[in-house]
Amino acid sequence: MGAVRMHADEVDLDVRLVGRLVAGRFPHWAELPLRRLESSGTENAMFRLGTDKVVRLPRHPRAVDAVEHELRWLPRLGPALPAAAPEPLGRGEPGADFPWPWSVYGWLDGRNPVPGALDAPGPLARDLASYVRALRRIDASDGPAGYRGVPLADRDRAVREALARLAGRVDTAAVARRWEEALDAPGHSGPPVWAHGDLMAGNLLVRDGRLSAVIDYGTVGVGDPAVDLISAWCVLPAGVRGLFREAVGAGEAEWARGRGWALSIAVVALPYYWETNPPVAENSRHVIAEILAETA
């Protein structure tokens, strides 16, 4: 699938630099083995520290705020969820070698599910629904506004601009029709609730086909929970989407907004990462194809 290429504002991180950061901030961990983890993620770099820890560092300025966001909210949310969440173990400070805060978490075993090659799609669909329902039940009265808990209309300009850049690469007319259907759906009328905001395959871990953990809480917040339905198209095959929808309890309007969120995320990401991050671009094409196929 090709290597991921850095954008201009990304920081180049390697084992030696991260080793210096760890030794300076957590000298009692300085002798633990350290290795970089391969990832197509666009926000953070990950380094395994020993056998039971992971160092997580923002790759560019836009990912910095998520460090404090996760450290604040994960201890509250994690214990209430049926799938494991990252356990914060320490906060790293910016320094001469690295300009931003960073964090250390407990290691979580598992692997990312592969859309189109799931070991147990039905059980995974039920696990995802159980996770979404549990997150929605947590008291949201003092929660922060979700990064993606906003009305879909707020995404319209970005989607239209991305479609203009994708002319000749995807069926932009068909995508625009599906997007307009989502925009026509009634908005969220209930109280704001918690949503993870980025339940894509790269943020899920499975063991023996079942959901074992959900990671990357940088987008978690309260708002319209429809965004957490994106797994139906980003991860699950068509044959179990109805099972997932029924288990979550999503009505017509919420399901349409969830489809719109999945489509908009894929469309906006595709031209941006077409050349620089082939895995993300491939996943975006997959999501678009899955959504267009529902009209066939």
Protein backbone atom coordinates (compact mmCIF):
# COMPACT_ATOMS: atom_id res chain seq x y z
CA MET A 1 0.00 0.00 0.00
CA GLY A 2 3.00 2.27 0.11
CA ALA A 3 4.65 4.33 2.77
CA VAL A 4 3.03 7.20 4.61
CA ARG A 5 4.65 10.55 3.72
CA MET A 6 4.79 13.43 6.17
CA HIS A 7 3.09 16.77 5.66
CA ALA A 8 5.13 19.93 6.06
CA ASP A 9 4.02 20.72 9.61
CA GLU A 10 4.63 17.23 11.02
CA VAL A 11 7.47 16.49 13.41
CA ASP A 12 9.85 13.67 12.53
CA LEU A 13 10.04 11.32 15.51
CA ASP A 14 12.47 8.45 15.99
CA VAL A 15 13.42 6.05 18.76
CA ARG A 16 16.43 8.07 19.88
CA LEU A 17 14.44 11.27 20.34
CA VAL A 18 11.60 9.51 22.17
CA GLY A 19 14.12 7.63 24.30
CA ARG A 20 15.59 10.96 25.43
CA LEU A 21 12.14 12.27 26.25
CA VAL A 22 11.29 9.21 28.33
CA ALA A 23 14.62 9.24 30.16
CA GLY A 24 14.26 12.91 31.00
CA ARG A 25 10.68 12.73 32.25
CA PHE A 26 10.45 9.16 33.56
CA PRO A 27 14.00 8.03 34.41
CA HIS A 28 12.70 4.86 36.08
CA TRP A 29 11.54 3.72 32.60
CA ALA A 30 14.70 4.79 30.78
CA GLU A 31 16.14 1.28 30.44
CA LEU A 32 12.99 -0.29 29.02
CA PRO A 33 13.15 -1.33 25.34
CA LEU A 34 11.51 1.12 22.96
CA ARG A 35 10.33 0.60 19.39
CA ARG A 36 8.16 2.52 16.98
CA LEU A 37 4.82 1.02 16.02
CA GLU A 38 3.79 1.03 12.39
CA SER A 39 0.56 2.98 11.92
CA SER A 40 -1.33 4.82 9.21
CA GLY A 41 -2.75 7.15 11.88
CA THR A 42 -2.60 10.81 10.98
CA GLU A 43 -2.56 12.43 14.43
CA ASN A 44 -0.08 10.64 16.69
CA ALA A 45 3.08 8.55 16.65
CA MET A 46 3.17 5.48 18.89
CA PHE A 47 6.18 3.80 20.52
CA ARG A 48 5.94 0.63 22.56
CA LEU A 49 7.77 0.99 25.87
CA GLY A 50 8.69 -2.30 27.51
CA THR A 51 5.92 -4.87 27.38
CA ASP A 52 3.09 -3.00 29.07
CA LYS A 53 3.29 0.66 28.04
CA VAL A 54 2.96 2.83 24.95
CA VAL A 55 4.28 6.36 24.39
CA ARG A 56 1.95 8.55 22.34
CA LEU A 57 3.14 11.81 20.80
CA PRO A 58 1.28 14.33 18.61
CA ARG A 59 2.69 14.49 15.09
CA HIS A 60 1.58 18.04 14.29
CA PRO A 61 0.20 21.14 16.08
CA ARG A 62 -3.45 20.28 15.41
CA ALA A 63 -3.14 17.12 17.53
CA VAL A 64 -1.70 18.81 20.62
CA ASP A 65 -4.96 19.77 22.34
CA ALA A 66 -6.06 16.13 22.32
CA VAL A 67 -3.29 15.22 24.79
CA GLU A 68 -4.86 17.13 27.68
CA HIS A 69 -8.36 16.25 26.47
CA GLU A 70 -7.70 12.52 26.75
CA LEU A 71 -5.84 12.75 30.04
CA ARG A 72 -8.81 14.59 31.53
CA TRP A 73 -11.71 12.48 30.26
CA LEU A 74 -10.38 8.93 29.91
CA PRO A 75 -10.26 8.23 33.67
CA ARG A 76 -13.96 9.14 33.84
CA LEU A 77 -15.18 7.37 30.72
CA GLY A 78 -13.02 4.26 30.60
CA PRO A 79 -14.36 2.42 33.66
CA ALA A 80 -17.95 2.70 32.40
CA LEU A 81 -17.28 1.10 29.00
CA PRO A 82 -17.52 -2.59 28.00
CA ALA A 83 -14.36 -2.42 25.87
CA ALA A 84 -11.02 -1.44 27.37
CA ALA A 85 -9.90 2.17 27.04
CA PRO A 86 -6.30 3.44 27.28
CA GLU A 87 -5.17 3.93 30.90
CA PRO A 88 -3.11 7.11 31.36
CA LEU A 89 0.17 6.41 33.18
CA GLY A 90 1.98 9.72 32.79
CA ARG A 91 2.15 13.09 31.07
CA GLY A 92 5.30 14.12 29.25
CA GLU A 93 6.36 17.75 29.15
CA PRO A 94 7.53 19.73 26.11
CA GLY A 95 11.25 20.36 25.96
CA ALA A 96 14.16 21.24 23.73
CA ASP A 97 13.79 18.04 21.70
CA PHE A 98 10.00 18.13 21.34
CA PRO A 99 7.75 21.21 21.55
CA TRP A 100 4.49 19.68 22.80
CA PRO A 101 3.11 17.61 25.70
CA TRP A 102 2.88 13.85 25.19
CA SER A 103 1.61 10.89 27.18
CA VAL A 104 2.27 7.34 28.31
CA TYR A 105 -0.54 4.77 28.47
CA GLY A 106 -0.90 1.16 29.44
CA TRP A 107 -0.49 -1.25 26.55
CA LEU A 108 -3.65 -2.84 25.14
CA ASP A 109 -3.41 -6.16 23.31
CA GLY A 110 -5.28 -6.69 20.07
CA ARG A 111 -5.16 -5.86 16.39
CA ASN A 112 -7.12 -3.54 14.16
CA PRO A 113 -10.03 -5.21 12.37
CA VAL A 114 -9.71 -5.35 8.59
CA PRO A 115 -12.88 -4.21 6.79
CA GLY A 116 -13.91 -6.89 4.35
CA ALA A 117 -12.02 -9.61 6.24
CA LEU A 118 -13.61 -9.75 9.70
CA ASP A 119 -13.40 -13.00 11.64
CA ALA A 120 -16.81 -12.58 13.32
CA PRO A 121 -18.79 -9.69 11.81
CA GLY A 122 -22.01 -10.41 13.68
CA PRO A 123 -20.49 -10.54 17.18
CA LEU A 124 -18.33 -7.52 16.37
CA ALA A 125 -21.44 -5.58 15.30
CA ARG A 126 -23.10 -6.39 18.63
CA ASP A 127 -19.95 -5.46 20.54
CA LEU A 128 -19.76 -2.10 18.78
CA ALA A 129 -23.42 -1.43 19.51
CA SER A 130 -22.89 -2.32 23.18
CA TYR A 131 -19.97 0.10 23.36
CA VAL A 132 -21.96 2.93 21.72
CA ARG A 133 -24.93 2.41 24.04
CA ALA A 134 -22.70 2.35 27.13
CA LEU A 135 -20.94 5.56 26.12
CA ARG A 136 -24.28 7.28 25.53
CA ARG A 137 -25.48 6.33 29.03
CA ILE A 138 -22.65 8.20 30.79
CA ASP A 139 -23.70 11.51 32.34
CA ALA A 140 -22.96 14.19 29.75
CA SER A 141 -24.09 17.23 31.73
CA ASP A 142 -20.59 18.69 32.04
CA GLY A 143 -18.98 17.08 29.01
CA PRO A 144 -17.09 19.07 26.37
CA ALA A 145 -18.58 19.76 22.97
CA GLY A 146 -17.72 16.89 20.64
CA TYR A 147 -15.39 17.60 17.75
CA ARG A 148 -17.89 15.86 15.46
CA GLY A 149 -21.07 16.31 17.49
CA VAL A 150 -22.18 19.23 15.33
CA PRO A 151 -24.94 19.38 12.70
CA LEU A 152 -24.02 17.81 9.38
CA ALA A 153 -24.62 21.12 7.65
CA ASP A 154 -21.42 22.37 9.26
CA ARG A 155 -19.57 19.91 7.02
CA ASP A 156 -21.20 20.97 3.78
CA ARG A 157 -18.57 23.41 2.55
CA ALA A 158 -15.70 21.00 3.23
CA VAL A 159 -17.53 18.17 1.45
CA ARG A 160 -18.31 20.30 -1.61
CA GLU A 161 -14.71 21.50 -1.85
CA ALA A 162 -13.40 17.94 -1.56
CA LEU A 163 -15.82 16.71 -4.24
CA ALA A 164 -14.55 19.39 -6.60
CA ARG A 165 -11.01 18.05 -6.08
CA LEU A 166 -12.21 14.48 -6.66
CA ALA A 167 -13.81 15.11 -10.04
CA GLY A 168 -12.81 12.30 -12.39
CA ARG A 169 -11.61 10.10 -9.51
CA VAL A 170 -14.94 9.10 -7.96
CA ASP A 171 -18.58 9.32 -9.03
CA THR A 172 -19.03 12.78 -7.57
CA ALA A 173 -22.63 13.13 -8.77
CA ALA A 174 -23.67 9.96 -6.94
CA VAL A 175 -21.75 10.98 -3.83
CA ALA A 176 -23.39 14.42 -3.88
CA ARG A 177 -26.85 12.83 -4.05
CA ARG A 178 -26.16 10.66 -1.01
CA TRP A 179 -24.72 13.65 0.82
CA GLU A 180 -27.80 15.74 0.11
CA GLU A 181 -30.01 12.92 1.41
CA ALA A 182 -28.09 13.04 4.70
CA LEU A 183 -28.40 16.83 4.89
CA ASP A 184 -32.18 16.50 4.45
CA ALA A 185 -32.50 14.22 7.49
CA PRO A 186 -33.96 15.80 10.64
CA GLY A 187 -31.29 16.90 13.12
CA HIS A 188 -30.68 15.55 16.60
CA SER A 189 -33.57 16.66 18.82
CA GLY A 190 -32.60 15.05 22.12
CA PRO A 191 -30.09 16.16 24.75
CA PRO A 192 -26.39 16.02 23.88
CA VAL A 193 -24.80 12.68 24.71
CA TRP A 194 -21.29 11.28 24.68
CA ALA A 195 -19.82 10.08 21.39
CA HIS A 196 -16.33 8.79 20.64
CA GLY A 197 -16.37 10.56 17.29
CA ASP A 198 -13.91 8.38 15.35
CA LEU A 199 -14.95 4.72 15.52
CA MET A 200 -12.95 3.64 12.50
CA ALA A 201 -10.97 0.41 12.20
CA GLY A 202 -7.70 2.08 13.20
CA ASN A 203 -9.18 3.02 16.57
CA LEU A 204 -10.61 -0.43 17.33
CA LEU A 205 -8.79 -3.47 18.67
CA VAL A 206 -10.13 -7.00 18.36
CA ARG A 207 -9.13 -10.34 19.85
CA ASP A 208 -10.59 -13.58 18.49
CA GLY A 209 -12.88 -11.46 16.33
CA ARG A 210 -14.45 -9.61 19.28
CA LEU A 211 -14.03 -5.98 20.26
CA SER A 212 -11.41 -5.81 23.01
CA ALA A 213 -10.56 -2.11 23.15
CA VAL A 214 -11.31 1.29 21.68
CA ILE A 215 -8.45 3.80 21.51
CA ASP A 216 -7.81 7.43 20.52
CA TYR A 217 -10.24 9.57 22.48
CA GLY A 218 -9.04 12.88 21.06
CA THR A 219 -12.45 13.52 19.45
CA VAL A 220 -14.64 12.33 22.35
CA GLY A 221 -17.30 14.78 23.49
CA VAL A 222 -21.02 15.44 23.69
CA GLY A 223 -23.43 16.37 20.92
CA ASP A 224 -25.27 14.45 18.19
CA PRO A 225 -24.42 10.78 18.78
CA ALA A 226 -25.08 9.82 15.14
CA VAL A 227 -21.38 10.17 14.38
CA ASP A 228 -20.73 6.93 16.28
CA LEU A 229 -22.68 5.00 13.65
CA ILE A 230 -19.83 5.42 11.15
CA SER A 231 -18.53 1.94 11.97
CA ALA A 232 -21.50 0.55 10.04
CA TRP A 233 -19.80 1.62 6.81
CA CYS A 234 -16.16 2.06 7.86
CA VAL A 235 -15.79 -1.37 9.49
CA LEU A 236 -18.81 -3.65 9.15
CA PRO A 237 -20.02 -5.43 5.99
CA ALA A 238 -23.47 -4.74 4.60
CA GLY A 239 -24.86 -8.03 5.89
CA VAL A 240 -24.61 -7.04 9.56
CA ARG A 241 -25.40 -3.32 9.35
CA GLY A 242 -29.03 -3.98 10.17
CA LEU A 243 -27.98 -5.98 13.23
CA PHE A 244 -25.78 -3.10 14.40
CA ARG A 245 -28.51 -0.54 13.76
CA GLU A 246 -31.12 -2.55 15.66
CA ALA A 247 -28.78 -3.16 18.58
CA VAL A 248 -27.95 0.56 18.83
CA GLY A 249 -31.61 1.54 18.40
CA ALA A 250 -31.02 4.08 15.64
CA GLY A 251 -34.09 5.52 13.93
CA GLU A 252 -34.31 6.63 10.31
CA ALA A 253 -33.04 10.16 10.87
CA GLU A 254 -30.14 9.13 13.07
CA TRP A 255 -29.12 6.38 10.66
CA ALA A 256 -29.19 8.84 7.74
CA ARG A 257 -27.02 11.28 9.70
CA GLY A 258 -24.62 8.49 10.61
CA ARG A 259 -24.29 7.57 6.93
CA GLY A 260 -23.70 11.22 6.18
CA TRP A 261 -20.93 11.41 8.76
CA ALA A 262 -19.22 8.32 7.34
CA LEU A 263 -19.49 9.74 3.83
CA SER A 264 -18.27 13.21 4.74
CA ILE A 265 -15.25 11.94 6.66
CA ALA A 266 -14.25 9.72 3.76
CA VAL A 267 -14.81 12.40 1.11
CA VAL A 268 -12.89 15.12 2.95
CA ALA A 269 -9.98 12.80 3.76
CA LEU A 270 -9.61 11.28 0.29
CA PRO A 271 -8.10 14.16 -1.72
CA TYR A 272 -5.97 15.27 1.23
CA TYR A 273 -4.41 11.84 1.77
CA TRP A 274 -4.59 10.46 -1.80
CA GLU A 275 -0.81 10.64 -2.24
CA THR A 276 0.53 11.08 1.30
CA ASN A 277 -1.27 8.30 3.21
CA PRO A 278 -2.35 5.41 0.96
CA PRO A 279 -4.00 3.35 3.78
CA VAL A 280 -6.27 6.26 4.75
CA ALA A 281 -7.07 6.93 1.08
CA GLU A 282 -7.87 3.25 0.52
CA ASN A 283 -10.21 3.20 3.52
CA SER A 284 -11.95 6.35 2.27
CA ARG A 285 -12.54 4.76 -1.14
CA HIS A 286 -13.90 1.66 0.63
CA VAL A 287 -16.40 3.71 2.65
CA ILE A 288 -17.58 5.66 -0.39
CA ALA A 289 -18.04 2.43 -2.36
CA GLU A 290 -20.01 0.81 0.48
CA ILE A 291 -22.38 3.77 0.75
CA LEU A 292 -22.92 4.08 -3.00
CA ALA A 293 -23.56 0.35 -3.22
CA GLU A 294 -26.57 0.75 -0.92
CA THR A 295 -28.37 2.57 -3.73
CA ALA A 296 -27.69 -0.15 -6.33
